[in-house]
PDB file of N, CA and C in Angstrom:
ATOM      1  N   MET A   1       8.531  99.703  31.961  1.00  0.00           N
ATOM      2  CA  MET A   1       9.113 100.809  32.681  1.00  0.00           C
ATOM      3  C   MET A   1       9.091 100.475  34.165  1.00  0.00           C
ATOM      4  N   LYS A   2      10.172 100.738  34.803  1.00  0.00           N
ATOM      5  CA  LYS A   2      10.291 100.461  36.231  1.00  0.00           C
ATOM      6  C   LYS A   2       9.806 101.680  37.011  1.00  0.00           C
ATOM      7  N   MET A   3       8.959 101.422  38.028  1.00  0.00           N
ATOM      8  CA  MET A   3       8.436 102.497  38.870  1.00  0.00           C
ATOM      9  C   MET A   3       8.560 102.083  40.329  1.00  0.00           C
ATOM     10  N   THR A   4       8.716 103.056  41.189  1.00  0.00           N
ATOM     11  CA  THR A   4       8.774 102.792  42.624  1.00  0.00           C
ATOM     12  C   THR A   4       7.732 103.669  43.308  1.00  0.00           C
ATOM     13  N   PHE A   5       6.917 103.048  44.159  1.00  0.00           N
ATOM     14  CA  PHE A   5       5.933 103.795  44.919  1.00  0.00           C
ATOM     15  C   PHE A   5       5.597 103.040  46.186  1.00  0.00           C
ATOM     16  N   GLU A   6       4.989 103.728  47.139  1.00  0.00           N
ATOM     17  CA  GLU A   6       4.628 103.121  48.416  1.00  0.00           C
ATOM     18  C   GLU A   6       3.146 102.804  48.447  1.00  0.00           C
ATOM     19  N   LEU A   7       2.811 101.665  49.040  1.00  0.00           N
ATOM     20  CA  LEU A   7       1.427 101.257  49.245  1.00  0.00           C
ATOM     21  C   LEU A   7       1.217 100.995  50.726  1.00  0.00           C
ATOM     22  N   PRO A   8      -0.001 101.166  51.212  1.00  0.00           N
ATOM     23  CA  PRO A   8      -0.273 100.774  52.594  1.00  0.00           C
ATOM     24  C   PRO A   8       0.023  99.280  52.769  1.00  0.00           C
ATOM     25  N   ALA A   9       0.534  98.908  53.936  1.00  0.00           N
ATOM     26  CA  ALA A   9       0.955  97.525  54.180  1.00  0.00           C
ATOM     27  C   ALA A   9      -0.174  96.531  53.965  1.00  0.00           C
ATOM     28  N   ASP A  10      -1.390  96.868  54.403  1.00  0.00           N
ATOM     29  CA  ASP A  10      -2.502  95.932  54.242  1.00  0.00           C
ATOM     30  C   ASP A  10      -2.851  95.723  52.778  1.00  0.00           C
ATOM     31  N   LEU A  11      -2.765  96.781  51.964  1.00  0.00           N
ATOM     32  CA  LEU A  11      -3.041  96.659  50.534  1.00  0.00           C
ATOM     33  C   LEU A  11      -1.965  95.821  49.851  1.00  0.00           C
ATOM     34  N   ALA A  12      -0.702  96.059  50.186  1.00  0.00           N
ATOM     35  CA  ALA A  12       0.395  95.283  49.606  1.00  0.00           C
ATOM     36  C   ALA A  12       0.242  93.803  49.947  1.00  0.00           C
ATOM     37  N   ARG A  13      -0.145  93.509  51.185  1.00  0.00           N
ATOM     38  CA  ARG A  13      -0.347  92.128  51.613  1.00  0.00           C
ATOM     39  C   ARG A  13      -1.478  91.473  50.820  1.00  0.00           C
ATOM     40  N   GLN A  14      -2.580  92.209  50.637  1.00  0.00           N
ATOM     41  CA  GLN A  14      -3.714  91.678  49.871  1.00  0.00           C
ATOM     42  C   GLN A  14      -3.319  91.414  48.419  1.00  0.00           C
ATOM     43  N   LEU A  15      -2.523  92.292  47.839  1.00  0.00           N
ATOM     44  CA  LEU A  15      -2.071  92.099  46.463  1.00  0.00           C
ATOM     45  C   LEU A  15      -1.187  90.860  46.344  1.00  0.00           C
ATOM     46  N   LYS A  16      -0.287  90.668  47.299  1.00  0.00           N
ATOM     47  CA  LYS A  16       0.582  89.487  47.278  1.00  0.00           C
ATOM     48  C   LYS A  16      -0.235  88.208  47.397  1.00  0.00           C
ATOM     49  N   VAL A  17      -1.238  88.229  48.270  1.00  0.00           N
ATOM     50  CA  VAL A  17      -2.093  87.057  48.445  1.00  0.00           C
ATOM     51  C   VAL A  17      -2.854  86.768  47.160  1.00  0.00           C
ATOM     52  N   ARG A  18      -3.436  87.817  46.546  1.00  0.00           N
ATOM     53  CA  ARG A  18      -4.206  87.630  45.308  1.00  0.00           C
ATOM     54  C   ARG A  18      -3.308  87.076  44.200  1.00  0.00           C
ATOM     55  N   ALA A  19      -2.096  87.599  44.074  1.00  0.00           N
ATOM     56  CA  ALA A  19      -1.167  87.114  43.054  1.00  0.00           C
ATOM     57  C   ALA A  19      -0.852  85.644  43.289  1.00  0.00           C
ATOM     58  N   ALA A  20      -0.630  85.267  44.544  1.00  0.00           N
ATOM     59  CA  ALA A  20      -0.340  83.868  44.868  1.00  0.00           C
ATOM     60  C   ALA A  20      -1.533  82.983  44.551  1.00  0.00           C
ATOM     61  N   GLU A  21      -2.737  83.448  44.895  1.00  0.00           N
ATOM     62  CA  GLU A  21      -3.947  82.666  44.621  1.00  0.00           C
ATOM     63  C   GLU A  21      -4.133  82.436  43.120  1.00  0.00           C
ATOM     64  N   GLU A  22      -3.805  83.446  42.323  1.00  0.00           N
ATOM     65  CA  GLU A  22      -3.992  83.350  40.876  1.00  0.00           C
ATOM     66  C   GLU A  22      -2.778  82.762  40.163  1.00  0.00           C
ATOM     67  N   GLY A  23      -1.702  82.566  40.899  1.00  0.00           N
ATOM     68  CA  GLY A  23      -0.503  81.986  40.300  1.00  0.00           C
ATOM     69  C   GLY A  23       0.182  82.902  39.304  1.00  0.00           C
ATOM     70  N   VAL A  24       0.143  84.211  39.570  1.00  0.00           N
ATOM     71  CA  VAL A  24       0.782  85.181  38.683  1.00  0.00           C
ATOM     72  C   VAL A  24       1.786  86.008  39.476  1.00  0.00           C
ATOM     73  N   LYS A  25       2.683  86.681  38.767  1.00  0.00           N
ATOM     74  CA  LYS A  25       3.635  87.568  39.414  1.00  0.00           C
ATOM     75  C   LYS A  25       2.901  88.816  39.887  1.00  0.00           C
ATOM     76  N   LEU A  26       3.368  89.365  40.988  1.00  0.00           N
ATOM     77  CA  LEU A  26       2.755  90.557  41.549  1.00  0.00           C
ATOM     78  C   LEU A  26       2.731  91.692  40.531  1.00  0.00           C
ATOM     79  N   LYS A  27       3.829  91.889  39.810  1.00  0.00           N
ATOM     80  CA  LYS A  27       3.886  92.986  38.842  1.00  0.00           C
ATOM     81  C   LYS A  27       2.860  92.792  37.731  1.00  0.00           C
ATOM     82  N   ASP A  28       2.590  91.546  37.333  1.00  0.00           N
ATOM     83  CA  ASP A  28       1.595  91.287  36.295  1.00  0.00           C
ATOM     84  C   ASP A  28       0.183  91.556  36.812  1.00  0.00           C
ATOM     85  N   LEU A  29      -0.080  91.204  38.069  1.00  0.00           N
ATOM     86  CA  LEU A  29      -1.381  91.470  38.672  1.00  0.00           C
ATOM     87  C   LEU A  29      -1.638  92.975  38.730  1.00  0.00           C
ATOM     88  N   VAL A  30      -0.635  93.741  39.176  1.00  0.00           N
ATOM     89  CA  VAL A  30      -0.785  95.191  39.293  1.00  0.00           C
ATOM     90  C   VAL A  30      -0.952  95.821  37.911  1.00  0.00           C
ATOM     91  N   ALA A  31      -0.194  95.351  36.934  1.00  0.00           N
ATOM     92  CA  ALA A  31      -0.314  95.894  35.581  1.00  0.00           C
ATOM     93  C   ALA A  31      -1.715  95.654  35.023  1.00  0.00           C
ATOM     94  N   GLU A  32      -2.256  94.446  35.224  1.00  0.00           N
ATOM     95  CA  GLU A  32      -3.600  94.137  34.732  1.00  0.00           C
ATOM     96  C   GLU A  32      -4.644  94.983  35.453  1.00  0.00           C
ATOM     97  N   ALA A  33      -4.489  95.168  36.747  1.00  0.00           N
ATOM     98  CA  ALA A  33      -5.424  96.004  37.504  1.00  0.00           C
ATOM     99  C   ALA A  33      -5.399  97.446  36.981  1.00  0.00           C
ATOM    100  N   CYS A  34      -4.221  97.954  36.672  1.00  0.00           N
ATOM    101  CA  CYS A  34      -4.105  99.307  36.118  1.00  0.00           C
ATOM    102  C   CYS A  34      -4.763  99.394  34.750  1.00  0.00           C
ATOM    103  N   ARG A  35      -4.536  98.384  33.909  1.00  0.00           N
ATOM    104  CA  ARG A  35      -5.184  98.369  32.588  1.00  0.00           C
ATOM    105  C   ARG A  35      -6.703  98.396  32.718  1.00  0.00           C
ATOM    106  N   ARG A  36      -7.214  97.569  33.628  1.00  0.00           N
ATOM    107  CA  ARG A  36      -8.672  97.506  33.812  1.00  0.00           C
ATOM    108  C   ARG A  36      -9.222  98.811  34.375  1.00  0.00           C
ATOM    109  N   LEU A  37      -8.482  99.417  35.291  1.00  0.00           N
ATOM    110  CA  LEU A  37      -8.913 100.691  35.853  1.00  0.00           C
ATOM    111  C   LEU A  37      -8.982 101.761  34.772  1.00  0.00           C
ATOM    112  N   LEU A  38      -7.946 101.843  33.956  1.00  0.00           N
ATOM    113  CA  LEU A  38      -7.927 102.844  32.892  1.00  0.00           C
ATOM    114  C   LEU A  38      -9.009 102.573  31.858  1.00  0.00           C
ATOM    115  N   SER A  39      -9.244 101.326  31.540  1.00  0.00           N
ATOM    116  CA  SER A  39     -10.291 100.960  30.594  1.00  0.00           C
ATOM    117  C   SER A  39     -11.666 101.290  31.166  1.00  0.00           C
ATOM    118  N   ALA A  40     -11.864 100.964  32.449  1.00  0.00           N
ATOM    119  CA  ALA A  40     -13.154 101.207  33.092  1.00  0.00           C
ATOM    120  C   ALA A  40     -13.410 102.704  33.229  1.00  0.00           C
ATOM    121  N   SER A  41     -12.370 103.503  33.473  1.00  0.00           N
ATOM    122  CA  SER A  41     -12.581 104.938  33.680  1.00  0.00           C
ATOM    123  C   SER A  41     -13.089 105.603  32.412  1.00  0.00           C
ATOM    124  N   SER A  42     -12.761 105.046  31.251  1.00  0.00           N
ATOM    125  CA  SER A  42     -13.265 105.618  30.007  1.00  0.00           C
ATOM    126  C   SER A  42     -14.686 105.149  29.715  1.00  0.00           C
ATOM    127  N   LYS A  43     -15.164 104.153  30.474  1.00  0.00           N
ATOM    128  CA  LYS A  43     -16.500 103.602  30.264  1.00  0.00           C
ATOM    129  C   LYS A  43     -17.421 103.863  31.451  1.00  0.00           C
ATOM    130  N   GLU A  44     -17.026 104.771  32.341  1.00  0.00           N
ATOM    131  CA  GLU A  44     -17.828 105.038  33.532  1.00  0.00           C
ATOM    132  C   GLU A  44     -19.219 105.524  33.148  1.00  0.00           C
ATOM    133  N   VAL A  45     -20.175 105.046  33.916  1.00  0.00           N
ATOM    134  CA  VAL A  45     -21.545 105.476  33.729  1.00  0.00           C
ATOM    135  C   VAL A  45     -21.989 106.164  35.012  1.00  0.00           C
ATOM    136  N   LYS A  46     -22.360 107.432  34.927  1.00  0.00           N
ATOM    137  CA  LYS A  46     -22.808 108.209  36.082  1.00  0.00           C
ATOM    138  C   LYS A  46     -21.798 108.178  37.215  1.00  0.00           C
ATOM    139  N   GLY A  47     -20.487 108.204  36.896  1.00  0.00           N
ATOM    140  CA  GLY A  47     -19.446 108.266  37.905  1.00  0.00           C
ATOM    141  C   GLY A  47     -19.167 106.966  38.626  1.00  0.00           C
ATOM    142  N   LYS A  48     -19.843 105.882  38.258  1.00  0.00           N
ATOM    143  CA  LYS A  48     -19.626 104.609  38.940  1.00  0.00           C
ATOM    144  C   LYS A  48     -18.794 103.692  38.039  1.00  0.00           C
ATOM    145  N   PRO A  49     -17.567 103.319  38.455  1.00  0.00           N
ATOM    146  CA  PRO A  49     -16.741 102.442  37.615  1.00  0.00           C
ATOM    147  C   PRO A  49     -17.316 101.022  37.550  1.00  0.00           C
ATOM    148  N   GLN A  50     -17.013 100.340  36.452  1.00  0.00           N
ATOM    149  CA  GLN A  50     -17.437  98.953  36.312  1.00  0.00           C
ATOM    150  C   GLN A  50     -16.682  98.100  37.317  1.00  0.00           C
ATOM    151  N   SER A  51     -17.311  97.026  37.781  1.00  0.00           N
ATOM    152  CA  SER A  51     -16.622  96.139  38.710  1.00  0.00           C
ATOM    153  C   SER A  51     -15.636  95.264  37.949  1.00  0.00           C
ATOM    154  N   LEU A  52     -14.545  94.919  38.610  1.00  0.00           N
ATOM    155  CA  LEU A  52     -13.533  94.066  38.004  1.00  0.00           C
ATOM    156  C   LEU A  52     -13.850  92.613  38.327  1.00  0.00           C
ATOM    157  N   SER A  53     -13.657  91.744  37.359  1.00  0.00           N
ATOM    158  CA  SER A  53     -13.890  90.331  37.614  1.00  0.00           C
ATOM    159  C   SER A  53     -12.598  89.562  37.376  1.00  0.00           C
ATOM    160  N   TYR A  54     -12.450  88.484  38.089  1.00  0.00           N
ATOM    161  CA  TYR A  54     -11.270  87.645  37.972  1.00  0.00           C
ATOM    162  C   TYR A  54     -11.710  86.233  37.621  1.00  0.00           C
ATOM    163  N   PRO A  55     -10.877  85.493  36.898  1.00  0.00           N
ATOM    164  CA  PRO A  55     -11.257  84.125  36.528  1.00  0.00           C
ATOM    165  C   PRO A  55     -11.411  83.239  37.756  1.00  0.00           C
ATOM    166  N   LYS A  56     -12.377  82.348  37.713  1.00  0.00           N
ATOM    167  CA  LYS A  56     -12.596  81.413  38.817  1.00  0.00           C
ATOM    168  C   LYS A  56     -11.866  80.113  38.513  1.00  0.00           C
ATOM    169  N   LEU A  57     -11.325  79.516  39.554  1.00  0.00           N
ATOM    170  CA  LEU A  57     -10.627  78.249  39.402  1.00  0.00           C
ATOM    171  C   LEU A  57     -11.639  77.123  39.274  1.00  0.00           C
ATOM    172  N   LYS A  58     -11.302  76.125  38.477  1.00  0.00           N
ATOM    173  CA  LYS A  58     -12.184  74.978  38.297  1.00  0.00           C
ATOM    174  C   LYS A  58     -11.536  73.744  38.911  1.00  0.00           C
ATOM    175  N   GLY A  59     -12.367  72.813  39.312  1.00  0.00           N
ATOM    176  CA  GLY A  59     -11.851  71.557  39.854  1.00  0.00           C
ATOM    177  C   GLY A  59     -11.483  71.698  41.318  1.00  0.00           C
ATOM    178  N   GLY A  60     -10.616  70.826  41.772  1.00  0.00           N
ATOM    179  CA  GLY A  60     -10.180  70.862  43.162  1.00  0.00           C
ATOM    180  C   GLY A  60     -11.138  70.114  44.069  1.00  0.00           C
ATOM    181  N   ARG A  61     -10.967  70.301  45.360  1.00  0.00           N
ATOM    182  CA  ARG A  61     -11.820  69.648  46.342  1.00  0.00           C
ATOM    183  C   ARG A  61     -12.099  70.621  47.473  1.00  0.00           C
ATOM    184  N   GLN A  62     -13.114  70.313  48.243  1.00  0.00           N
ATOM    185  CA  GLN A  62     -13.454  71.123  49.408  1.00  0.00           C
ATOM    186  C   GLN A  62     -12.344  70.991  50.450  1.00  0.00           C
ATOM    187  N   ALA A  63     -11.911  72.095  51.012  1.00  0.00           N
ATOM    188  CA  ALA A  63     -10.860  72.070  52.028  1.00  0.00           C
ATOM    189  C   ALA A  63     -11.381  71.427  53.303  1.00  0.00           C
ATOM    190  N   LYS A  64     -10.532  70.619  53.920  1.00  0.00           N
ATOM    191  CA  LYS A  64     -10.863  70.046  55.222  1.00  0.00           C
ATOM    192  C   LYS A  64     -10.700  71.132  56.273  1.00  0.00           C
ATOM    193  N   SER A  65     -11.317  70.941  57.421  1.00  0.00           N
ATOM    194  CA  SER A  65     -11.212  71.914  58.495  1.00  0.00           C
ATOM    195  C   SER A  65      -9.737  72.148  58.831  1.00  0.00           C
ATOM    196  N   GLY A  66      -9.332  73.393  58.896  1.00  0.00           N
ATOM    197  CA  GLY A  66      -7.947  73.747  59.177  1.00  0.00           C
ATOM    198  C   GLY A  66      -7.094  73.910  57.930  1.00  0.00           C
ATOM    199  N   GLU A  67      -7.612  73.513  56.762  1.00  0.00           N
ATOM    200  CA  GLU A  67      -6.867  73.640  55.508  1.00  0.00           C
ATOM    201  C   GLU A  67      -7.284  74.863  54.699  1.00  0.00           C
ATOM    202  N   GLU A  68      -8.321  75.580  55.145  1.00  0.00           N
ATOM    203  CA  GLU A  68      -8.824  76.708  54.384  1.00  0.00           C
ATOM    204  C   GLU A  68      -7.704  77.709  54.115  1.00  0.00           C
ATOM    205  N   MET A  69      -7.698  78.297  52.922  1.00  0.00           N
ATOM    206  CA  MET A  69      -6.672  79.257  52.554  1.00  0.00           C
ATOM    207  C   MET A  69      -7.116  80.660  52.958  1.00  0.00           C
ATOM    208  N   THR A  70      -7.055  80.907  54.247  1.00  0.00           N
ATOM    209  CA  THR A  70      -7.346  82.228  54.789  1.00  0.00           C
ATOM    210  C   THR A  70      -6.161  83.141  54.486  1.00  0.00           C
ATOM    211  N   PRO A  71      -6.333  84.450  54.581  1.00  0.00           N
ATOM    212  CA  PRO A  71      -5.195  85.338  54.374  1.00  0.00           C
ATOM    213  C   PRO A  71      -4.008  84.996  55.289  1.00  0.00           C
ATOM    214  N   ASP A  72      -4.299  84.615  56.543  1.00  0.00           N
ATOM    215  CA  ASP A  72      -3.210  84.243  57.451  1.00  0.00           C
ATOM    216  C   ASP A  72      -2.499  82.983  56.979  1.00  0.00           C
ATOM    217  N   ARG A  73      -3.253  82.010  56.476  1.00  0.00           N
ATOM    218  CA  ARG A  73      -2.662  80.756  55.984  1.00  0.00           C
ATOM    219  C   ARG A  73      -1.822  81.014  54.743  1.00  0.00           C
ATOM    220  N   VAL A  74      -2.299  81.861  53.840  1.00  0.00           N
ATOM    221  CA  VAL A  74      -1.525  82.195  52.640  1.00  0.00           C
ATOM    222  C   VAL A  74      -0.223  82.880  53.037  1.00  0.00           C
ATOM    223  N   ALA A  75      -0.298  83.810  53.986  1.00  0.00           N
ATOM    224  CA  ALA A  75       0.917  84.483  54.457  1.00  0.00           C
ATOM    225  C   ALA A  75       1.893  83.480  55.048  1.00  0.00           C
ATOM    226  N   GLU A  76       1.372  82.506  55.794  1.00  0.00           N
ATOM    227  CA  GLU A  76       2.228  81.470  56.374  1.00  0.00           C
ATOM    228  C   GLU A  76       2.909  80.651  55.286  1.00  0.00           C
ATOM    229  N   VAL A  77       2.162  80.293  54.252  1.00  0.00           N
ATOM    230  CA  VAL A  77       2.731  79.522  53.138  1.00  0.00           C
ATOM    231  C   VAL A  77       3.777  80.339  52.402  1.00  0.00           C
ATOM    232  N   LEU A  78       3.471  81.616  52.150  1.00  0.00           N
ATOM    233  CA  LEU A  78       4.389  82.461  51.385  1.00  0.00           C
ATOM    234  C   LEU A  78       5.633  82.876  52.154  1.00  0.00           C
ATOM    235  N   TRP A  79       5.458  83.240  53.417  1.00  0.00           N
ATOM    236  CA  TRP A  79       6.563  83.824  54.156  1.00  0.00           C
ATOM    237  C   TRP A  79       7.004  82.994  55.354  1.00  0.00           C
ATOM    238  N   GLY A  80       6.428  81.836  55.568  1.00  0.00           N
ATOM    239  CA  GLY A  80       6.815  80.983  56.689  1.00  0.00           C
ATOM    240  C   GLY A  80       6.046  81.336  57.946  1.00  0.00           C
ATOM    241  N   SER A  81       6.069  80.451  58.896  1.00  0.00           N
ATOM    242  CA  SER A  81       5.288  80.635  60.114  1.00  0.00           C
ATOM    243  C   SER A  81       5.920  81.635  61.073  1.00  0.00           C
ATOM    244  N   GLY A  82       7.151  82.042  60.812  1.00  0.00           N
ATOM    245  CA  GLY A  82       7.827  82.977  61.704  1.00  0.00           C
ATOM    246  C   GLY A  82       7.336  84.409  61.579  1.00  0.00           C
ATOM    247  N   GLU A  83       6.529  84.732  60.557  1.00  0.00           N
ATOM    248  CA  GLU A  83       6.089  86.134  60.368  1.00  0.00           C
ATOM    249  C   GLU A  83       4.625  86.277  60.623  1.00  0.00           C
TER     250      GLU A  83
END
């Protein structure tokens, strides 16, 4: 089902970065987050929701200085240096 809604710009940016880091489509990331939220809300203990966990990447190498994937660097990769 197609839905349209507004999100704060900082939240939308964080979601785009997370989707890029995980190599998934933004809509799939949001759908999974909604599923986990709904699942966790039925399992709440004393009003505190369970924390969400994401798979960790394996392998790779330590980033050299200046190569770290900071939110600004991810935005640069995704949208170019002009933004």
